[in-house]
Amino acid sequence: LKKFCFYYFKGMPQSFTFKMLRKKNILLNEKKATGDEVLSEGDTVQLY
């Protein structure tokens, strides 16, 4: 998930992704995530 976010927010430092994960602005399948989760086809990433 973190690699996915790094690309999606490629104009931002990687620390931005980790901060948004901690603040639950980025969720995986509507659940809190650390970024180390491996994505599967059909998963959903929520950006609040």
All heavy atoms as atom14 arrays in JSON, in Angstrom:
{
  "sequence": "LKKFCFYYFKGMPQSFTFKMLRKKNILLNEKKATGDEVLSEGDTVQLY",
  "atom14_mask": [
    [1, 1, 1, 1, 1, 1, 1, 1, 0, 0, 0, 0, 0, 0],
    [1, 1, 1, 1, 1, 1, 1, 1, 1, 0, 0, 0, 0, 0],
    [1, 1, 1, 1, 1, 1, 1, 1, 1, 0, 0, 0, 0, 0],
    [1, 1, 1, 1, 1, 1, 1, 1, 1, 1, 1, 0, 0, 0],
    [1, 1, 1, 1, 1, 1, 0, 0, 0, 0, 0, 0, 0, 0],
    [1, 1, 1, 1, 1, 1, 1, 1, 1, 1, 1, 0, 0, 0],
    [1, 1, 1, 1, 1, 1, 1, 1, 1, 1, 1, 1, 0, 0],
    [1, 1, 1, 1, 1, 1, 1, 1, 1, 1, 1, 1, 0, 0],
    [1, 1, 1, 1, 1, 1, 1, 1, 1, 1, 1, 0, 0, 0],
    [1, 1, 1, 1, 1, 1, 1, 1, 1, 0, 0, 0, 0, 0],
    [1, 1, 1, 1, 0, 0, 0, 0, 0, 0, 0, 0, 0, 0],
    [1, 1, 1, 1, 1, 1, 1, 1, 0, 0, 0, 0, 0, 0],
    [1, 1, 1, 1, 1, 1, 1, 0, 0, 0, 0, 0, 0, 0],
    [1, 1, 1, 1, 1, 1, 1, 1, 1, 0, 0, 0, 0, 0],
    [1, 1, 1, 1, 1, 1, 0, 0, 0, 0, 0, 0, 0, 0],
    [1, 1, 1, 1, 1, 1, 1, 1, 1, 1, 1, 0, 0, 0],
    [1, 1, 1, 1, 1, 1, 1, 0, 0, 0, 0, 0, 0, 0],
    [1, 1, 1, 1, 1, 1, 1, 1, 1, 1, 1, 0, 0, 0],
    [1, 1, 1, 1, 1, 1, 1, 1, 1, 0, 0, 0, 0, 0],
    [1, 1, 1, 1, 1, 1, 1, 1, 0, 0, 0, 0, 0, 0],
    [1, 1, 1, 1, 1, 1, 1, 1, 0, 0, 0, 0, 0, 0],
    [1, 1, 1, 1, 1, 1, 1, 1, 1, 1, 1, 0, 0, 0],
    [1, 1, 1, 1, 1, 1, 1, 1, 1, 0, 0, 0, 0, 0],
    [1, 1, 1, 1, 1, 1, 1, 1, 1, 0, 0, 0, 0, 0],
    [1, 1, 1, 1, 1, 1, 1, 1, 0, 0, 0, 0, 0, 0],
    [1, 1, 1, 1, 1, 1, 1, 1, 0, 0, 0, 0, 0, 0],
    [1, 1, 1, 1, 1, 1, 1, 1, 0, 0, 0, 0, 0, 0],
    [1, 1, 1, 1, 1, 1, 1, 1, 0, 0, 0, 0, 0, 0],
    [1, 1, 1, 1, 1, 1, 1, 1, 0, 0, 0, 0, 0, 0],
    [1, 1, 1, 1, 1, 1, 1, 1, 1, 0, 0, 0, 0, 0],
    [1, 1, 1, 1, 1, 1, 1, 1, 1, 0, 0, 0, 0, 0],
    [1, 1, 1, 1, 1, 1, 1, 1, 1, 0, 0, 0, 0, 0],
    [1, 1, 1, 1, 1, 0, 0, 0, 0, 0, 0, 0, 0, 0],
    [1, 1, 1, 1, 1, 1, 1, 0, 0, 0, 0, 0, 0, 0],
    [1, 1, 1, 1, 0, 0, 0, 0, 0, 0, 0, 0, 0, 0],
    [1, 1, 1, 1, 1, 1, 1, 1, 0, 0, 0, 0, 0, 0],
    [1, 1, 1, 1, 1, 1, 1, 1, 1, 0, 0, 0, 0, 0],
    [1, 1, 1, 1, 1, 1, 1, 0, 0, 0, 0, 0, 0, 0],
    [1, 1, 1, 1, 1, 1, 1, 1, 0, 0, 0, 0, 0, 0],
    [1, 1, 1, 1, 1, 1, 0, 0, 0, 0, 0, 0, 0, 0],
    [1, 1, 1, 1, 1, 1, 1, 1, 1, 0, 0, 0, 0, 0],
    [1, 1, 1, 1, 0, 0, 0, 0, 0, 0, 0, 0, 0, 0],
    [1, 1, 1, 1, 1, 1, 1, 1, 0, 0, 0, 0, 0, 0],
    [1, 1, 1, 1, 1, 1, 1, 0, 0, 0, 0, 0, 0, 0],
    [1, 1, 1, 1, 1, 1, 1, 0, 0, 0, 0, 0, 0, 0],
    [1, 1, 1, 1, 1, 1, 1, 1, 1, 0, 0, 0, 0, 0],
    [1, 1, 1, 1, 1, 1, 1, 1, 0, 0, 0, 0, 0, 0],
    [1, 1, 1, 1, 1, 1, 1, 1, 1, 1, 1, 1, 0, 0]
  ],
  "atom14_positions": [
    [[0.82, -1.21, 0.0], [0.0, 0.0, 0.0], [0.86, 1.26, 0.0], [0.55, 2.23, -0.7], [-0.93, -0.01, 1.22], [-1.75, 1.26, 1.47], [-2.68, 1.54, 0.31], [-2.53, 1.14, 2.79], [0.0, 0.0, 0.0], [0.0, 0.0, 0.0], [0.0, 0.0, 0.0], [0.0, 0.0, 0.0], [0.0, 0.0, 0.0], [0.0, 0.0, 0.0]],
    [[1.95, 1.27, 0.75], [2.77, 2.48, 0.83], [3.39, 2.82, -0.53], [3.49, 3.99, -0.9], [3.84, 2.34, 1.91], [4.84, 1.21, 1.71], [5.79, 1.12, 2.9], [6.78, -0.03, 2.75], [7.63, -0.19, 3.95], [0.0, 0.0, 0.0], [0.0, 0.0, 0.0], [0.0, 0.0, 0.0], [0.0, 0.0, 0.0], [0.0, 0.0, 0.0]],
    [[3.79, 1.8, -1.29], [4.35, 2.05, -2.61], [3.29, 2.63, -3.53], [3.56, 3.54, -4.32], [4.92, 0.76, -3.19], [5.65, 0.96, -4.51], [6.28, -0.33, -4.99], [6.98, -0.11, -6.34], [7.6, -1.36, -6.85], [0.0, 0.0, 0.0], [0.0, 0.0, 0.0], [0.0, 0.0, 0.0], [0.0, 0.0, 0.0], [0.0, 0.0, 0.0]],
    [[2.09, 2.09, -3.43], [0.97, 2.62, -4.2], [0.76, 4.1, -3.89], [0.59, 4.93, -4.78], [-0.28, 1.81, -3.85], [-1.58, 2.37, -4.36], [-2.06, 2.02, -5.61], [-2.31, 3.27, -3.59], [-3.26, 2.55, -6.08], [-3.5, 3.79, -4.04], [-3.98, 3.43, -5.29], [0.0, 0.0, 0.0], [0.0, 0.0, 0.0], [0.0, 0.0, 0.0]],
    [[0.82, 4.43, -2.61], [0.61, 5.83, -2.19], [1.76, 6.74, -2.61], [1.54, 7.89, -2.97], [0.41, 5.89, -0.68], [-1.12, 5.11, -0.11], [0.0, 0.0, 0.0], [0.0, 0.0, 0.0], [0.0, 0.0, 0.0], [0.0, 0.0, 0.0], [0.0, 0.0, 0.0], [0.0, 0.0, 0.0], [0.0, 0.0, 0.0], [0.0, 0.0, 0.0]],
    [[2.98, 6.2, -2.55], [4.13, 7.0, -2.98], [3.93, 7.45, -4.43], [4.23, 8.59, -4.79], [5.44, 6.22, -2.87], [5.85, 5.85, -1.48], [6.74, 4.81, -1.25], [5.37, 6.57, -0.39], [7.12, 4.47, 0.04], [5.75, 6.24, 0.91], [6.63, 5.19, 1.12], [0.0, 0.0, 0.0], [0.0, 0.0, 0.0], [0.0, 0.0, 0.0]],
    [[3.44, 6.53, -5.27], [3.24, 6.87, -6.67], [2.07, 7.83, -6.82], [2.14, 8.81, -7.57], [2.99, 5.6, -7.49], [2.84, 5.88, -8.98], [3.96, 5.95, -9.8], [1.59, 6.1, -9.54], [3.84, 6.23, -11.14], [1.45, 6.39, -10.89], [2.58, 6.45, -11.69], [2.44, 6.74, -13.03], [0.0, 0.0, 0.0], [0.0, 0.0, 0.0]],
    [[1.0, 7.56, -6.11], [-0.2, 8.39, -6.23], [0.09, 9.82, -5.78], [-0.41, 10.78, -6.37], [-1.33, 7.79, -5.4], [-2.7, 8.32, -5.76], [-3.41, 7.77, -6.82], [-3.27, 9.35, -5.05], [-4.66, 8.25, -7.17], [-4.53, 9.85, -5.39], [-5.22, 9.28, -6.45], [-6.45, 9.77, -6.79], [0.0, 0.0, 0.0], [0.0, 0.0, 0.0]],
    [[0.89, 9.95, -4.74], [1.27, 11.28, -4.24], [2.73, 11.57, -4.58], [3.5, 12.02, -3.73], [1.07, 11.34, -2.71], [-0.35, 11.16, -2.27], [-0.73, 10.03, -1.57], [-1.31, 12.11, -2.56], [-2.04, 9.85, -1.15], [-2.63, 11.95, -2.15], [-3.0, 10.82, -1.45], [0.0, 0.0, 0.0], [0.0, 0.0, 0.0], [0.0, 0.0, 0.0]],
    [[3.12, 11.3, -5.82], [4.53, 11.36, -6.18], [5.13, 12.76, -6.08], [6.34, 12.9, -6.07], [4.74, 10.8, -7.59], [3.95, 11.47, -8.69], [4.17, 10.73, -10.0], [3.29, 11.29, -11.11], [3.46, 10.52, -12.37], [0.0, 0.0, 0.0], [0.0, 0.0, 0.0], [0.0, 0.0, 0.0], [0.0, 0.0, 0.0], [0.0, 0.0, 0.0]],
    [[4.3, 13.78, -5.98], [4.84, 15.12, -5.8], [5.14, 15.45, -4.34], [5.71, 16.5, -4.03], [0.0, 0.0, 0.0], [0.0, 0.0, 0.0], [0.0, 0.0, 0.0], [0.0, 0.0, 0.0], [0.0, 0.0, 0.0], [0.0, 0.0, 0.0], [0.0, 0.0, 0.0], [0.0, 0.0, 0.0], [0.0, 0.0, 0.0], [0.0, 0.0, 0.0]],
    [[4.78, 14.53, -3.44], [4.94, 14.76, -2.01], [6.04, 13.87, -1.43], [6.31, 12.79, -1.96], [3.62, 14.47, -1.28], [2.45, 15.27, -1.79], [2.61, 17.05, -1.48], [2.37, 17.07, 0.31], [0.0, 0.0, 0.0], [0.0, 0.0, 0.0], [0.0, 0.0, 0.0], [0.0, 0.0, 0.0], [0.0, 0.0, 0.0], [0.0, 0.0, 0.0]],
    [[6.66, 14.27, -0.31], [7.65, 13.4, 0.34], [6.98, 12.14, 0.88], [5.78, 12.13, 1.18], [8.21, 14.27, 1.46], [7.16, 15.28, 1.73], [6.49, 15.56, 0.42], [0.0, 0.0, 0.0], [0.0, 0.0, 0.0], [0.0, 0.0, 0.0], [0.0, 0.0, 0.0], [0.0, 0.0, 0.0], [0.0, 0.0, 0.0], [0.0, 0.0, 0.0]],
    [[7.74, 11.06, 1.01], [7.17, 9.81, 1.49], [6.61, 9.96, 2.9], [5.67, 9.25, 3.28], [8.23, 8.7, 1.44], [8.63, 8.34, 0.02], [9.63, 7.2, -0.03], [10.03, 6.64, 1.0], [10.06, 6.84, -1.24], [0.0, 0.0, 0.0], [0.0, 0.0, 0.0], [0.0, 0.0, 0.0], [0.0, 0.0, 0.0], [0.0, 0.0, 0.0]],
    [[7.16, 10.88, 3.68], [6.67, 11.08, 5.05], [5.21, 11.52, 5.06], [4.48, 11.26, 6.02], [7.53, 12.14, 5.76], [7.52, 13.36, 5.04], [0.0, 0.0, 0.0], [0.0, 0.0, 0.0], [0.0, 0.0, 0.0], [0.0, 0.0, 0.0], [0.0, 0.0, 0.0], [0.0, 0.0, 0.0], [0.0, 0.0, 0.0], [0.0, 0.0, 0.0]],
    [[4.77, 12.16, 3.97], [3.37, 12.58, 3.88], [2.45, 11.36, 3.91], [1.43, 11.36, 4.6], [3.16, 13.37, 2.58], [1.71, 13.69, 2.3], [1.08, 14.76, 2.92], [0.97, 12.91, 1.42], [-0.26, 15.05, 2.67], [-0.36, 13.19, 1.16], [-0.98, 14.26, 1.79], [0.0, 0.0, 0.0], [0.0, 0.0, 0.0], [0.0, 0.0, 0.0]],
    [[2.82, 10.31, 3.18], [2.01, 9.09, 3.16], [1.9, 8.49, 4.55], [0.8, 8.12, 5.01], [2.62, 8.06, 2.19], [2.44, 8.52, 0.85], [1.96, 6.69, 2.33], [0.0, 0.0, 0.0], [0.0, 0.0, 0.0], [0.0, 0.0, 0.0], [0.0, 0.0, 0.0], [0.0, 0.0, 0.0], [0.0, 0.0, 0.0], [0.0, 0.0, 0.0]],
    [[3.01, 8.37, 5.25], [2.97, 7.77, 6.58], [2.15, 8.61, 7.57], [1.43, 8.07, 8.42], [4.4, 7.57, 7.11], [5.18, 6.57, 6.32], [6.35, 6.94, 5.67], [4.75, 5.26, 6.2], [7.08, 6.02, 4.93], [5.46, 4.33, 5.47], [6.63, 4.71, 4.83], [0.0, 0.0, 0.0], [0.0, 0.0, 0.0], [0.0, 0.0, 0.0]],
    [[2.24, 9.91, 7.44], [1.46, 10.8, 8.3], [-0.03, 10.61, 8.04], [-0.84, 10.53, 8.98], [1.86, 12.25, 8.06], [1.11, 13.25, 8.94], [1.6, 14.66, 8.69], [0.85, 15.67, 9.56], [1.32, 17.06, 9.3], [0.0, 0.0, 0.0], [0.0, 0.0, 0.0], [0.0, 0.0, 0.0], [0.0, 0.0, 0.0], [0.0, 0.0, 0.0]],
    [[-0.42, 10.52, 6.75], [-1.84, 10.36, 6.41], [-2.37, 8.98, 6.81], [-3.54, 8.83, 7.17], [-2.04, 10.58, 4.91], [-1.77, 12.01, 4.44], [-2.82, 13.25, 5.29], [-1.65, 13.96, 6.5], [0.0, 0.0, 0.0], [0.0, 0.0, 0.0], [0.0, 0.0, 0.0], [0.0, 0.0, 0.0], [0.0, 0.0, 0.0], [0.0, 0.0, 0.0]],
    [[-1.5, 7.97, 6.79], [-1.91, 6.65, 7.28], [-2.16, 6.69, 8.78], [-3.15, 6.13, 9.27], [-0.83, 5.61, 6.94], [-0.74, 5.15, 5.48], [0.57, 4.43, 5.22], [-1.92, 4.24, 5.14], [0.0, 0.0, 0.0], [0.0, 0.0, 0.0], [0.0, 0.0, 0.0], [0.0, 0.0, 0.0], [0.0, 0.0, 0.0], [0.0, 0.0, 0.0]],
    [[-1.26, 7.36, 9.52], [-1.44, 7.45, 10.98], [-2.72, 8.21, 11.33], [-3.42, 7.86, 12.29], [-0.23, 8.15, 11.61], [1.03, 7.31, 11.62], [2.07, 7.89, 12.57], [2.42, 9.27, 12.25], [3.38, 9.62, 11.41], [4.1, 8.67, 10.79], [3.64, 10.9, 11.19], [0.0, 0.0, 0.0], [0.0, 0.0, 0.0], [0.0, 0.0, 0.0]],
    [[-3.03, 9.25, 10.55], [-4.2, 10.07, 10.83], [-5.49, 9.49, 10.25], [-6.56, 10.09, 10.35], [-3.99, 11.47, 10.27], [-2.86, 12.24, 10.95], [-2.7, 13.63, 10.37], [-3.91, 14.5, 10.71], [-3.72, 15.91, 10.26], [0.0, 0.0, 0.0], [0.0, 0.0, 0.0], [0.0, 0.0, 0.0], [0.0, 0.0, 0.0], [0.0, 0.0, 0.0]],
    [[-5.39, 8.31, 9.63], [-6.53, 7.62, 9.03], [-7.15, 8.4, 7.87], [-8.34, 8.25, 7.57], [-7.61, 7.31, 10.08], [-7.13, 6.42, 11.22], [-8.27, 6.1, 12.18], [-7.8, 5.29, 13.36], [-8.9, 4.98, 14.3], [0.0, 0.0, 0.0], [0.0, 0.0, 0.0], [0.0, 0.0, 0.0], [0.0, 0.0, 0.0], [0.0, 0.0, 0.0]],
    [[-6.35, 9.22, 7.23], [-6.81, 9.85, 6.0], [-6.69, 8.9, 4.81], [-7.28, 9.12, 3.76], [-6.0, 11.12, 5.7], [-6.33, 12.25, 6.64], [-5.61, 12.5, 7.59], [-7.45, 12.93, 6.4], [0.0, 0.0, 0.0], [0.0, 0.0, 0.0], [0.0, 0.0, 0.0], [0.0, 0.0, 0.0], [0.0, 0.0, 0.0], [0.0, 0.0, 0.0]],
    [[-5.87, 7.86, 5.01], [-5.75, 6.81, 4.0], [-6.12, 5.5, 4.66], [-5.52, 5.1, 5.66], [-4.31, 6.71, 3.45], [-3.87, 8.04, 2.81], [-4.2, 5.59, 2.43], [-2.42, 8.06, 2.4], [0.0, 0.0, 0.0], [0.0, 0.0, 0.0], [0.0, 0.0, 0.0], [0.0, 0.0, 0.0], [0.0, 0.0, 0.0], [0.0, 0.0, 0.0]],
    [[-7.16, 4.84, 4.12], [-7.62, 3.55, 4.64], [-7.56, 2.5, 3.55], [-7.62, 2.81, 2.35], [-9.06, 3.66, 5.15], [-9.35, 4.65, 6.29], [-10.82, 4.57, 6.66], [-8.47, 4.37, 7.49], [0.0, 0.0, 0.0], [0.0, 0.0, 0.0], [0.0, 0.0, 0.0], [0.0, 0.0, 0.0], [0.0, 0.0, 0.0], [0.0, 0.0, 0.0]],
    [[-7.46, 1.24, 3.97], [-7.51, 0.12, 3.05], [-8.73, -0.72, 3.37], [-8.85, -1.21, 4.5], [-6.23, -0.72, 3.16], [-6.18, -1.99, 2.29], [-6.28, -1.65, 0.81], [-4.89, -2.78, 2.57], [0.0, 0.0, 0.0], [0.0, 0.0, 0.0], [0.0, 0.0, 0.0], [0.0, 0.0, 0.0], [0.0, 0.0, 0.0], [0.0, 0.0, 0.0]],
    [[-9.63, -0.83, 2.43], [-10.89, -1.56, 2.64], [-11.62, -1.04, 3.87], [-12.13, -1.8, 4.69], [-10.63, -3.06, 2.76], [-10.02, -3.64, 1.5], [-10.38, -3.24, 0.39], [-9.09, -4.58, 1.66], [0.0, 0.0, 0.0], [0.0, 0.0, 0.0], [0.0, 0.0, 0.0], [0.0, 0.0, 0.0], [0.0, 0.0, 0.0], [0.0, 0.0, 0.0]],
    [[-11.6, 0.31, 4.01], [-12.28, 1.02, 5.09], [-11.68, 0.72, 6.46], [-12.33, 0.93, 7.49], [-13.8, 0.69, 5.11], [-14.55, 1.17, 3.89], [-14.77, 2.68, 3.89], [-14.29, 3.36, 4.82], [-15.42, 3.17, 2.95], [0.0, 0.0, 0.0], [0.0, 0.0, 0.0], [0.0, 0.0, 0.0], [0.0, 0.0, 0.0], [0.0, 0.0, 0.0]],
    [[-10.45, 0.22, 6.49], [-9.81, -0.09, 7.76], [-8.46, 0.63, 7.86], [-7.81, 0.89, 6.85], [-9.57, -1.6, 7.91], [-10.87, -2.42, 7.95], [-10.57, -3.9, 8.05], [-11.85, -4.72, 8.08], [-11.58, -6.18, 8.13], [0.0, 0.0, 0.0], [0.0, 0.0, 0.0], [0.0, 0.0, 0.0], [0.0, 0.0, 0.0], [0.0, 0.0, 0.0]],
    [[-8.06, 0.92, 9.09], [-6.76, 1.55, 9.32], [-5.65, 0.64, 8.8], [-5.72, -0.59, 8.94], [-6.57, 1.81, 10.82], [-5.22, 2.45, 11.17], [-5.16, 2.78, 12.65], [-3.75, 3.21, 13.08], [-3.23, 4.35, 12.31], [0.0, 0.0, 0.0], [0.0, 0.0, 0.0], [0.0, 0.0, 0.0], [0.0, 0.0, 0.0], [0.0, 0.0, 0.0]],
    [[-4.64, 1.24, 8.19], [-3.55, 0.47, 7.6], [-2.21, 1.08, 7.97], [-2.11, 2.26, 8.31], [-3.72, 0.43, 6.07], [0.0, 0.0, 0.0], [0.0, 0.0, 0.0], [0.0, 0.0, 0.0], [0.0, 0.0, 0.0], [0.0, 0.0, 0.0], [0.0, 0.0, 0.0], [0.0, 0.0, 0.0], [0.0, 0.0, 0.0], [0.0, 0.0, 0.0]],
    [[-1.17, 0.26, 7.89], [0.18, 0.74, 8.2], [0.97, 1.13, 6.94], [1.94, 1.86, 7.02], [0.98, -0.35, 8.93], [1.18, -1.47, 8.03], [0.26, -0.82, 10.17], [0.0, 0.0, 0.0], [0.0, 0.0, 0.0], [0.0, 0.0, 0.0], [0.0, 0.0, 0.0], [0.0, 0.0, 0.0], [0.0, 0.0, 0.0], [0.0, 0.0, 0.0]],
    [[0.53, 0.58, 5.81], [1.25, 0.8, 4.56], [2.01, -0.42, 4.09], [2.42, -0.5, 2.92], [0.0, 0.0, 0.0], [0.0, 0.0, 0.0], [0.0, 0.0, 0.0], [0.0, 0.0, 0.0], [0.0, 0.0, 0.0], [0.0, 0.0, 0.0], [0.0, 0.0, 0.0], [0.0, 0.0, 0.0], [0.0, 0.0, 0.0], [0.0, 0.0, 0.0]],
    [[2.2, -1.39, 4.99], [2.94, -2.6, 4.62], [2.04, -3.69, 4.05], [2.52, -4.75, 3.65], [3.69, -3.16, 5.84], [4.91, -2.3, 6.19], [5.55, -1.8, 5.24], [5.2, -2.13, 7.39], [0.0, 0.0, 0.0], [0.0, 0.0, 0.0], [0.0, 0.0, 0.0], [0.0, 0.0, 0.0], [0.0, 0.0, 0.0], [0.0, 0.0, 0.0]],
    [[0.74, -3.43, 4.03], [-0.2, -4.41, 3.49], [0.02, -4.59, 1.98], [0.24, -3.61, 1.25], [-1.65, -3.98, 3.73], [-2.03, -3.89, 5.2], [-1.61, -2.59, 5.87], [-1.0, -1.74, 5.17], [-1.89, -2.41, 7.06], [0.0, 0.0, 0.0], [0.0, 0.0, 0.0], [0.0, 0.0, 0.0], [0.0, 0.0, 0.0], [0.0, 0.0, 0.0]],
    [[-0.05, -5.83, 1.52], [0.09, -6.12, 0.08], [-1.3, -6.06, -0.56], [-2.24, -6.73, -0.1], [0.74, -7.5, -0.15], [0.79, -7.8, -1.65], [2.14, -7.52, 0.45], [0.0, 0.0, 0.0], [0.0, 0.0, 0.0], [0.0, 0.0, 0.0], [0.0, 0.0, 0.0], [0.0, 0.0, 0.0], [0.0, 0.0, 0.0], [0.0, 0.0, 0.0]],
    [[-1.41, -5.27, -1.59], [-2.71, -5.06, -2.24], [-3.1, -6.26, -3.1], [-2.26, -6.89, -3.74], [-2.66, -3.81, -3.13], [-2.36, -2.49, -2.41], [-2.28, -1.35, -3.42], [-3.42, -2.19, -1.36], [0.0, 0.0, 0.0], [0.0, 0.0, 0.0], [0.0, 0.0, 0.0], [0.0, 0.0, 0.0], [0.0, 0.0, 0.0], [0.0, 0.0, 0.0]],
    [[-4.4, -6.55, -3.1], [-4.96, -7.59, -3.95], [-5.97, -6.96, -4.89], [-6.59, -5.94, -4.57], [-5.66, -8.67, -3.12], [-4.74, -9.31, -2.25], [0.0, 0.0, 0.0], [0.0, 0.0, 0.0], [0.0, 0.0, 0.0], [0.0, 0.0, 0.0], [0.0, 0.0, 0.0], [0.0, 0.0, 0.0], [0.0, 0.0, 0.0], [0.0, 0.0, 0.0]],
    [[-6.13, -7.56, -6.06], [-7.11, -7.04, -7.01], [-8.5, -7.06, -6.38], [-8.91, -8.05, -5.78], [-7.1, -7.89, -8.29], [-7.92, -7.3, -9.42], [-7.7, -8.01, -10.74], [-6.83, -8.92, -10.8], [-8.39, -7.66, -11.71], [0.0, 0.0, 0.0], [0.0, 0.0, 0.0], [0.0, 0.0, 0.0], [0.0, 0.0, 0.0], [0.0, 0.0, 0.0]],
    [[-9.2, -5.96, -6.47], [-10.52, -5.84, -5.86], [-10.53, -5.08, -4.56], [-11.58, -4.65, -4.08], [0.0, 0.0, 0.0], [0.0, 0.0, 0.0], [0.0, 0.0, 0.0], [0.0, 0.0, 0.0], [0.0, 0.0, 0.0], [0.0, 0.0, 0.0], [0.0, 0.0, 0.0], [0.0, 0.0, 0.0], [0.0, 0.0, 0.0], [0.0, 0.0, 0.0]],
    [[-9.34, -4.91, -3.93], [-9.25, -4.07, -2.73], [-9.65, -2.64, -3.07], [-9.61, -2.22, -4.23], [-7.82, -4.06, -2.18], [-7.46, -5.34, -1.43], [-8.37, -6.1, -1.09], [-6.26, -5.56, -1.21], [0.0, 0.0, 0.0], [0.0, 0.0, 0.0], [0.0, 0.0, 0.0], [0.0, 0.0, 0.0], [0.0, 0.0, 0.0], [0.0, 0.0, 0.0]],
    [[-10.0, -1.87, -2.03], [-10.31, -0.45, -2.23], [-9.47, 0.39, -1.28], [-9.25, 0.02, -0.12], [-11.8, -0.16, -2.0], [-12.17, -0.6, -0.68], [-12.67, -0.84, -3.04], [0.0, 0.0, 0.0], [0.0, 0.0, 0.0], [0.0, 0.0, 0.0], [0.0, 0.0, 0.0], [0.0, 0.0, 0.0], [0.0, 0.0, 0.0], [0.0, 0.0, 0.0]],
    [[-8.98, 1.49, -1.81], [-8.21, 2.44, -1.01], [-9.04, 3.7, -0.89], [-9.47, 4.28, -1.9], [-6.85, 2.75, -1.67], [-6.08, 3.78, -0.85], [-6.02, 1.47, -1.84], [0.0, 0.0, 0.0], [0.0, 0.0, 0.0], [0.0, 0.0, 0.0], [0.0, 0.0, 0.0], [0.0, 0.0, 0.0], [0.0, 0.0, 0.0], [0.0, 0.0, 0.0]],
    [[-9.3, 4.12, 0.35], [-10.08, 5.33, 0.59], [-9.16, 6.48, 0.95], [-8.29, 6.34, 1.81], [-11.11, 5.12, 1.72], [-12.25, 4.18, 1.38], [-11.85, 2.71, 1.38], [-10.99, 2.28, 2.17], [-12.45, 1.92, 0.5], [0.0, 0.0, 0.0], [0.0, 0.0, 0.0], [0.0, 0.0, 0.0], [0.0, 0.0, 0.0], [0.0, 0.0, 0.0]],
    [[-9.35, 7.59, 0.27], [-8.56, 8.81, 0.53], [-9.5, 9.87, 1.08], [-10.35, 10.39, 0.34], [-7.89, 9.3, -0.76], [-7.02, 8.26, -1.49], [-6.53, 8.84, -2.82], [-5.85, 7.83, -0.63], [0.0, 0.0, 0.0], [0.0, 0.0, 0.0], [0.0, 0.0, 0.0], [0.0, 0.0, 0.0], [0.0, 0.0, 0.0], [0.0, 0.0, 0.0]],
    [[-9.38, 10.13, 2.38], [-10.29, 11.08, 3.03], [-9.72, 12.5, 2.96], [-9.16, 13.02, 3.92], [-10.58, 10.63, 4.46], [-11.58, 9.5, 4.51], [-11.14, 8.17, 4.46], [-12.94, 9.75, 4.57], [-12.05, 7.13, 4.48], [-13.86, 8.7, 4.59], [-13.41, 7.4, 4.53], [-14.34, 6.36, 4.54], [0.0, 0.0, 0.0], [0.0, 0.0, 0.0]]
  ]
}
